[in-house]
Every structure is written in C-alpha cells, then in structure tokens.
Amino acid sequence: MLYGQSSGPVPPVDLGILAAKGSLYVTRPTLGHHVATREELLARAGEVLGWVRSGELRLRIEHTFPLERAAEAHRTLEGRQTTGKVLLLP
C-alpha cells in the first residue's frame, strides 16, 4: 500500500499476480476523485477539524521547530526520523 510519495515512485506491478489472487486491482485516486466541489471540501474538512477540536481525533505532533530551524526540520523529514506530524512555528 502506498500513502503519499515520500518513498519515491512505485515499482512496476505484475497485474497477472493481482488477477490470480482474486481479481484485485490497482488505483491511484487523488483528492479530486473524492471531493467534487469546494463546498464539499469545506464541509468534509470542517467535519474532520471538528473531530480534532472535540478530541475525538487526536493528532500526534512528534516534532516542533521554530521557523529559523526549517532546514533542520526538512533534514528530519528527509532522514525518515519522524512518524508523527512536524510543525514549523513562527
């Protein structure tokens, strides 16, 4: 499974293997495939942010960096030293 693209391009897939394992398929949806209008985007974002606000959904903030240490924050991300969110603070 691929989440994001931080690992680079996805290697080729043998589609015959997918068929042999039960009619599996490959898809690469983007946000545009799930949200048709700006109004829908705002409604969905509002719902998710409401979950964050209420505590129903908790974000894991692993690192915070002052803006002047942005280069260090990038090195941390590039070095795969993170699993949670990384925030730059003004």
C-alpha atoms as a PDB file:
ATOM      1  CA  MET A   1       0.000   0.000   0.000  1.00  0.00           C
ATOM      2  CA  LEU A   2       1.250   3.471  -0.821  1.00  0.00           C
ATOM      3  CA  TYR A   3       0.439   6.520   1.302  1.00  0.00           C
ATOM      4  CA  GLY A   4       1.899   9.704  -0.103  1.00  0.00           C
ATOM      5  CA  GLN A   5       5.005   9.632  -2.214  1.00  0.00           C
ATOM      6  CA  SER A   6       7.856  10.160   0.222  1.00  0.00           C
ATOM      7  CA  SER A   7       9.351   6.813  -0.756  1.00  0.00           C
ATOM      8  CA  GLY A   8       9.563   7.717  -4.428  1.00  0.00           C
ATOM      9  CA  PRO A   9       7.982   6.040  -7.448  1.00  0.00           C
ATOM     10  CA  VAL A  10       6.027   2.835  -7.053  1.00  0.00           C
ATOM     11  CA  PRO A  11       7.803  -0.143  -8.664  1.00  0.00           C
ATOM     12  CA  PRO A  12       6.067  -1.932 -11.558  1.00  0.00           C
ATOM     13  CA  VAL A  13       3.259  -4.311 -10.605  1.00  0.00           C
ATOM     14  CA  ASP A  14       2.609  -7.647 -12.295  1.00  0.00           C
ATOM     15  CA  LEU A  15      -1.116  -7.373 -12.974  1.00  0.00           C
ATOM     16  CA  GLY A  16      -1.308 -11.125 -13.618  1.00  0.00           C
ATOM     17  CA  ILE A  17      -0.498 -11.761  -9.952  1.00  0.00           C
ATOM     18  CA  LEU A  18      -3.354  -9.494  -8.892  1.00  0.00           C
ATOM     19  CA  ALA A  19      -5.789 -11.437 -11.064  1.00  0.00           C
ATOM     20  CA  ALA A  20      -4.542 -14.771  -9.723  1.00  0.00           C
ATOM     21  CA  LYS A  21      -5.110 -13.620  -6.135  1.00  0.00           C
ATOM     22  CA  GLY A  22      -8.778 -12.820  -6.568  1.00  0.00           C
ATOM     23  CA  SER A  23      -9.455 -10.048  -9.087  1.00  0.00           C
ATOM     24  CA  LEU A  24      -7.508  -7.445  -7.136  1.00  0.00           C
ATOM     25  CA  TYR A  25      -6.970  -4.041  -8.683  1.00  0.00           C
ATOM     26  CA  VAL A  26      -4.683  -1.016  -8.576  1.00  0.00           C
ATOM     27  CA  THR A  27      -5.932   2.536  -8.240  1.00  0.00           C
ATOM     28  CA  ARG A  28      -4.322   5.912  -7.649  1.00  0.00           C
ATOM     29  CA  PRO A  29      -7.101   8.246  -6.508  1.00  0.00           C
ATOM     30  CA  THR A  30      -6.485  11.875  -5.717  1.00  0.00           C
ATOM     31  CA  LEU A  31      -8.452  14.349  -3.631  1.00  0.00           C
ATOM     32  CA  GLY A  32     -10.367  15.359  -6.756  1.00  0.00           C
ATOM     33  CA  HIS A  33     -11.796  11.841  -7.028  1.00  0.00           C
ATOM     34  CA  HIS A  34     -13.361  12.141  -3.569  1.00  0.00           C
ATOM     35  CA  VAL A  35     -14.416  15.781  -3.438  1.00  0.00           C
ATOM     36  CA  ALA A  36     -16.342  17.273  -6.362  1.00  0.00           C
ATOM     37  CA  THR A  37     -16.840  20.875  -5.246  1.00  0.00           C
ATOM     38  CA  ARG A  38     -15.246  23.464  -2.975  1.00  0.00           C
ATOM     39  CA  GLU A  39     -18.348  23.371  -0.789  1.00  0.00           C
ATOM     40  CA  GLU A  40     -17.943  19.617  -0.307  1.00  0.00           C
ATOM     41  CA  LEU A  41     -14.242  20.092   0.509  1.00  0.00           C
ATOM     42  CA  LEU A  42     -15.076  22.711   3.136  1.00  0.00           C
ATOM     43  CA  ALA A  43     -17.796  20.513   4.644  1.00  0.00           C
ATOM     44  CA  ARG A  44     -15.534  17.465   4.859  1.00  0.00           C
ATOM     45  CA  ALA A  45     -12.620  19.484   6.239  1.00  0.00           C
ATOM     46  CA  GLY A  46     -14.951  21.077   8.772  1.00  0.00           C
ATOM     47  CA  GLU A  47     -16.096  17.642   9.899  1.00  0.00           C
ATOM     48  CA  VAL A  48     -12.547  16.356  10.380  1.00  0.00           C
ATOM     49  CA  LEU A  49     -11.405  19.531  12.128  1.00  0.00           C
ATOM     50  CA  GLY A  50     -14.467  19.265  14.370  1.00  0.00           C
ATOM     51  CA  TRP A  51     -13.288  15.802  15.414  1.00  0.00           C
ATOM     52  CA  VAL A  52      -9.874  17.285  16.249  1.00  0.00           C
ATOM     53  CA  ARG A  53     -11.484  20.142  18.191  1.00  0.00           C
ATOM     54  CA  SER A  54     -13.685  17.751  20.210  1.00  0.00           C
ATOM     55  CA  GLY A  55     -10.815  15.357  20.943  1.00  0.00           C
ATOM     56  CA  GLU A  56     -12.476  12.515  19.029  1.00  0.00           C
ATOM     57  CA  LEU A  57      -9.500  12.561  16.648  1.00  0.00           C
ATOM     58  CA  ARG A  58      -6.071  13.210  18.133  1.00  0.00           C
ATOM     59  CA  LEU A  59      -3.091  14.313  16.091  1.00  0.00           C
ATOM     60  CA  ARG A  60       0.341  13.072  17.023  1.00  0.00           C
ATOM     61  CA  ILE A  61       2.731  16.005  16.835  1.00  0.00           C
ATOM     62  CA  GLU A  62       6.167  14.484  17.072  1.00  0.00           C
ATOM     63  CA  HIS A  63       8.441  17.490  16.481  1.00  0.00           C
ATOM     64  CA  THR A  64       8.116  21.253  16.543  1.00  0.00           C
ATOM     65  CA  PHE A  65      10.747  23.569  15.129  1.00  0.00           C
ATOM     66  CA  PRO A  66      10.978  27.357  15.142  1.00  0.00           C
ATOM     67  CA  LEU A  67      10.828  28.723  11.599  1.00  0.00           C
ATOM     68  CA  GLU A  68      14.501  29.649  11.665  1.00  0.00           C
ATOM     69  CA  ARG A  69      15.283  25.905  12.022  1.00  0.00           C
ATOM     70  CA  ALA A  70      13.259  24.940   8.933  1.00  0.00           C
ATOM     71  CA  ALA A  71      16.324  23.351   7.309  1.00  0.00           C
ATOM     72  CA  GLU A  72      16.718  21.040  10.314  1.00  0.00           C
ATOM     73  CA  ALA A  73      13.017  20.142  10.117  1.00  0.00           C
ATOM     74  CA  HIS A  74      13.465  19.213   6.451  1.00  0.00           C
ATOM     75  CA  ARG A  75      16.520  17.088   7.237  1.00  0.00           C
ATOM     76  CA  THR A  76      14.498  15.292   9.935  1.00  0.00           C
ATOM     77  CA  LEU A  77      11.761  14.508   7.420  1.00  0.00           C
ATOM     78  CA  GLU A  78      14.188  13.535   4.666  1.00  0.00           C
ATOM     79  CA  GLY A  79      16.084  11.292   7.086  1.00  0.00           C
ATOM     80  CA  ARG A  80      12.859   9.445   7.930  1.00  0.00           C
ATOM     81  CA  GLN A  81      13.246  10.313  11.601  1.00  0.00           C
ATOM     82  CA  THR A  82       9.558  11.052  12.052  1.00  0.00           C
ATOM     83  CA  THR A  83       6.305   9.148  12.347  1.00  0.00           C
ATOM     84  CA  GLY A  84       4.033  11.949  13.556  1.00  0.00           C
ATOM     85  CA  LYS A  85       3.449  15.492  12.428  1.00  0.00           C
ATOM     86  CA  VAL A  86       6.271  18.014  12.149  1.00  0.00           C
ATOM     87  CA  LEU A  87       5.339  21.645  12.781  1.00  0.00           C
ATOM     88  CA  LEU A  88       7.189  24.835  11.937  1.00  0.00           C
ATOM     89  CA  LEU A  89       6.314  27.596  14.371  1.00  0.00           C
ATOM     90  CA  PRO A  90       6.631  31.319  13.529  1.00  0.00           C
END
